[in-house]
C-alpha cells in the first residue's frame, strides 16, 4: 500500500470515529414479552456541584423517557428523570422546581416529583443517591423545551443548565416518537 493510500485510509478511519464520537442521543426499544415500547434519551449532566474535600463532586443528570403499549406506539406523556451521581450523597431542599422555556413554564411540587423515588423528610430535605425525581410532561411541553431559544431550570433550589445537548436529545427523541427521520446535517448521521 502506498503512503498516500495509507494516509487516505487513516484519514477515513479518523473521520468515521469523529462522526460517531457523540454517541446516540435517543433510543427506542421494544420488549416483546411485555408489549411495551420505551423511548429514552441518554443522561445529560445539568448541574455540577464541587464538594469541600479534594475529589468530592456531585452532579445532577436529566434524561427523558416515554413508554406505551404496542410496537412503535406513541406515548401520551414523557417523564423527565433526575438522578444524582458522584462520590457523595446529594442533599437538597425538597424536589419542587420549574423549567422555563421561552414563555412556557413547567412547574412541579416535591410530592409530584418524588413519585416514590426519594426519601422525603418533612417534604423539605432529601438525600439523593441515584434516581431521585421524575416529572410527567406532555409531548407539547417537551417540544417547547426542545425548540426554545432560552431554557432555565431549578430543582430543590439547585440551578439546572438545560442547554443545547438536552434540547438536541429531546428533539431526536420526539422525532423517533413521531417516526420522523432526523434532518441531514454535515457530520451527523440519521437517528432511527
Protein backbone atom coordinates (compact mmCIF):
# COMPACT_ATOMS: atom_id res chain seq x y z
CA UNK A 1 0.00 0.00 0.00
CA UNK A 2 1.42 3.39 -0.95
CA UNK A 3 1.96 6.19 1.55
CA UNK A 4 -0.88 8.26 0.05
CA UNK A 5 -3.31 5.32 0.29
CA UNK A 6 -2.28 4.68 3.89
CA UNK A 7 -2.79 8.35 4.69
CA UNK A 8 -6.19 8.38 2.99
CA UNK A 9 -7.27 5.23 4.83
CA UNK A 10 -6.10 6.66 8.15
CA UNK A 11 -7.96 9.91 7.44
CA UNK A 12 -11.13 7.98 6.58
CA UNK A 13 -10.97 6.00 9.83
CA UNK A 14 -10.38 9.22 11.81
CA UNK A 15 -13.40 10.88 10.17
CA UNK A 16 -15.61 7.88 10.94
CA UNK A 17 -14.54 7.89 14.57
CA UNK A 18 -15.06 11.66 14.88
CA UNK A 19 -18.51 11.43 13.30
CA UNK A 20 -19.64 8.77 15.77
CA UNK A 21 -17.97 10.21 18.85
CA UNK A 22 -21.02 11.99 20.25
CA UNK A 23 -22.99 8.80 20.69
CA UNK A 24 -26.64 8.32 20.02
CA UNK A 25 -28.91 10.94 21.59
CA UNK A 26 -32.13 8.90 21.77
CA UNK A 27 -33.15 5.26 21.80
CA UNK A 28 -36.25 3.22 21.01
CA UNK A 29 -36.64 -0.29 22.43
CA UNK A 30 -39.46 -2.81 22.11
CA UNK A 31 -39.93 -5.57 24.69
CA UNK A 32 -41.92 -8.39 23.08
CA UNK A 33 -42.63 -10.05 26.45
CA UNK A 34 -44.40 -7.02 27.91
CA UNK A 35 -45.50 -5.49 24.60
CA UNK A 36 -44.01 -2.15 25.72
CA UNK A 37 -42.11 0.33 23.57
CA UNK A 38 -39.74 2.55 25.51
CA UNK A 39 -38.31 5.78 24.15
CA UNK A 40 -35.45 7.42 26.07
CA UNK A 41 -32.62 9.89 25.80
CA UNK A 42 -29.19 9.39 27.22
CA UNK A 43 -28.49 11.15 30.52
CA UNK A 44 -27.22 14.75 30.35
CA UNK A 45 -25.42 16.49 33.22
CA UNK A 46 -27.46 19.57 34.11
CA UNK A 47 -25.80 20.60 37.39
CA UNK A 48 -22.35 20.01 38.86
CA UNK A 49 -21.51 20.69 42.47
CA UNK A 50 -18.00 20.60 43.88
CA UNK A 51 -17.54 19.43 47.44
CA UNK A 52 -15.27 20.82 50.13
CA UNK A 53 -12.99 17.77 50.09
CA UNK A 54 -10.43 17.03 47.38
CA UNK A 55 -12.00 14.83 44.74
CA UNK A 56 -15.52 15.24 46.06
CA UNK A 57 -18.09 16.15 43.48
CA UNK A 58 -21.74 15.58 42.77
CA UNK A 59 -23.83 16.09 39.71
CA UNK A 60 -27.45 16.01 38.66
CA UNK A 61 -28.31 14.42 35.35
CA UNK A 62 -31.52 14.54 33.35
CA UNK A 63 -32.94 12.09 30.86
CA UNK A 64 -36.34 11.76 29.23
CA UNK A 65 -38.32 8.53 28.93
CA UNK A 66 -41.69 7.61 27.46
CA UNK A 67 -43.46 4.24 27.43
CA UNK A 68 -46.54 2.87 25.73
CA UNK A 69 -48.12 -0.45 24.81
CA UNK A 70 -47.51 -1.73 21.28
CA UNK A 71 -44.68 -1.69 18.77
CA UNK A 72 -43.87 1.85 17.61
CA UNK A 73 -46.76 3.34 19.60
CA UNK A 74 -46.91 6.97 20.75
CA UNK A 75 -46.67 7.67 24.49
CA UNK A 76 -49.10 10.26 25.83
CA UNK A 77 -46.51 11.77 28.20
CA UNK A 78 -42.79 11.75 28.84
CA UNK A 79 -41.03 11.61 32.17
CA UNK A 80 -38.11 13.89 32.86
CA UNK A 81 -35.97 11.84 35.24
CA UNK A 82 -33.41 13.40 37.56
CA UNK A 83 -30.51 11.38 39.01
CA UNK A 84 -27.66 12.18 41.38
CA UNK A 85 -24.20 10.85 40.72
CA UNK A 86 -20.80 11.35 42.22
CA UNK A 87 -18.99 10.09 45.24
CA UNK A 88 -21.18 11.71 47.90
CA UNK A 89 -24.86 11.93 48.76
CA UNK A 90 -26.65 14.99 47.44
CA UNK A 91 -28.80 16.88 49.92
CA UNK A 92 -31.47 19.15 48.54
CA UNK A 93 -34.21 21.32 49.98
CA UNK A 94 -37.15 19.40 48.56
CA UNK A 95 -37.78 18.48 44.95
CA UNK A 96 -40.05 21.31 43.88
CA UNK A 97 -38.93 23.06 40.76
CA UNK A 98 -39.58 24.55 37.39
CA UNK A 99 -38.36 24.66 33.82
CA UNK A 100 -38.90 27.86 31.87
CA UNK A 101 -38.53 27.52 28.09
CA UNK A 102 -39.05 30.92 26.47
CA UNK A 103 -42.63 31.74 27.56
CA UNK A 104 -43.61 28.16 28.51
CA UNK A 105 -43.40 27.23 32.19
CA UNK A 106 -43.42 23.72 33.69
CA UNK A 107 -43.70 23.60 37.49
CA UNK A 108 -43.93 20.74 39.97
CA UNK A 109 -44.13 20.10 43.70
CA UNK A 110 -41.85 17.88 45.78
CA UNK A 111 -44.61 15.29 46.13
CA UNK A 112 -45.24 15.18 42.36
CA UNK A 113 -41.54 14.81 41.61
CA UNK A 114 -40.81 12.19 44.28
CA UNK A 115 -43.08 9.51 42.75
CA UNK A 116 -41.59 7.04 45.23
CA UNK A 117 -38.03 7.87 44.14
CA UNK A 118 -36.57 9.76 47.10
CA UNK A 119 -36.91 9.69 50.85
CA UNK A 120 -38.66 12.95 51.63
CA UNK A 121 -38.37 14.11 55.22
CA UNK A 122 -40.76 16.91 56.18
CA UNK A 123 -41.24 17.48 52.42
CA UNK A 124 -38.18 19.75 52.66
CA UNK A 125 -34.87 17.91 52.83
CA UNK A 126 -33.97 14.91 50.74
CA UNK A 127 -30.83 12.87 50.44
CA UNK A 128 -30.41 11.75 46.87
CA UNK A 129 -28.44 8.84 45.52
CA UNK A 130 -29.23 7.59 42.03
CA UNK A 131 -32.63 8.38 40.53
CA UNK A 132 -34.43 10.75 42.86
CA UNK A 133 -37.18 12.54 40.93
CA UNK A 134 -39.38 12.18 37.87
CA UNK A 135 -41.90 14.62 36.47
CA UNK A 136 -44.51 13.98 33.81
CA UNK A 137 -44.67 16.36 30.86
CA UNK A 138 -46.84 16.34 27.78
CA UNK A 139 -45.29 15.88 24.34
CA UNK A 140 -46.21 19.52 23.65
CA UNK A 141 -44.26 20.67 26.73
CA UNK A 142 -41.27 18.56 25.67
CA UNK A 143 -41.46 20.14 22.20
CA UNK A 144 -41.47 23.61 23.78
CA UNK A 145 -38.32 22.82 25.79
CA UNK A 146 -36.65 21.25 22.74
CA UNK A 147 -37.34 24.25 20.49
CA UNK A 148 -36.85 27.11 22.96
CA UNK A 149 -34.20 29.76 22.45
CA UNK A 150 -33.70 30.04 26.20
CA UNK A 151 -34.21 27.32 28.83
CA UNK A 152 -33.68 27.69 32.58
CA UNK A 153 -34.50 25.32 35.40
CA UNK A 154 -34.37 24.70 39.14
CA UNK A 155 -34.96 21.61 41.27
CA UNK A 156 -34.72 21.63 45.04
CA UNK A 157 -33.07 25.05 44.98
CA UNK A 158 -30.33 23.88 42.58
CA UNK A 159 -29.96 25.66 39.24
CA UNK A 160 -30.13 23.48 36.14
CA UNK A 161 -28.25 24.11 32.91
CA UNK A 162 -30.61 22.77 30.28
CA UNK A 163 -28.63 23.56 27.17
CA UNK A 164 -28.22 22.51 23.58
CA UNK A 165 -27.31 18.89 24.41
CA UNK A 166 -30.54 18.29 26.32
CA UNK A 167 -32.55 20.09 23.63
CA UNK A 168 -30.94 18.04 20.84
CA UNK A 169 -31.66 14.84 22.76
CA UNK A 170 -35.31 15.84 23.19
CA UNK A 171 -35.60 16.79 19.51
CA UNK A 172 -34.19 13.41 18.47
CA UNK A 173 -36.48 11.59 20.91
CA UNK A 174 -39.56 13.43 19.65
CA UNK A 175 -38.62 12.60 16.02
CA UNK A 176 -38.35 8.91 16.98
CA UNK A 177 -41.75 9.03 18.67
CA UNK A 178 -43.33 10.67 15.62
CA UNK A 179 -41.45 8.35 13.24
CA UNK A 180 -39.75 11.30 11.54
CA UNK A 181 -36.14 10.81 10.41
CA UNK A 182 -33.52 13.30 11.60
CA UNK A 183 -32.69 16.18 9.33
CA UNK A 184 -29.49 15.57 7.49
CA UNK A 185 -26.62 17.80 8.65
CA UNK A 186 -22.97 17.78 7.73
CA UNK A 187 -21.05 15.48 10.06
CA UNK A 188 -24.14 13.85 11.63
CA UNK A 189 -25.98 10.67 10.93
CA UNK A 190 -29.65 9.89 10.87
CA UNK A 191 -31.01 8.61 14.21
CA UNK A 192 -33.60 5.83 13.66
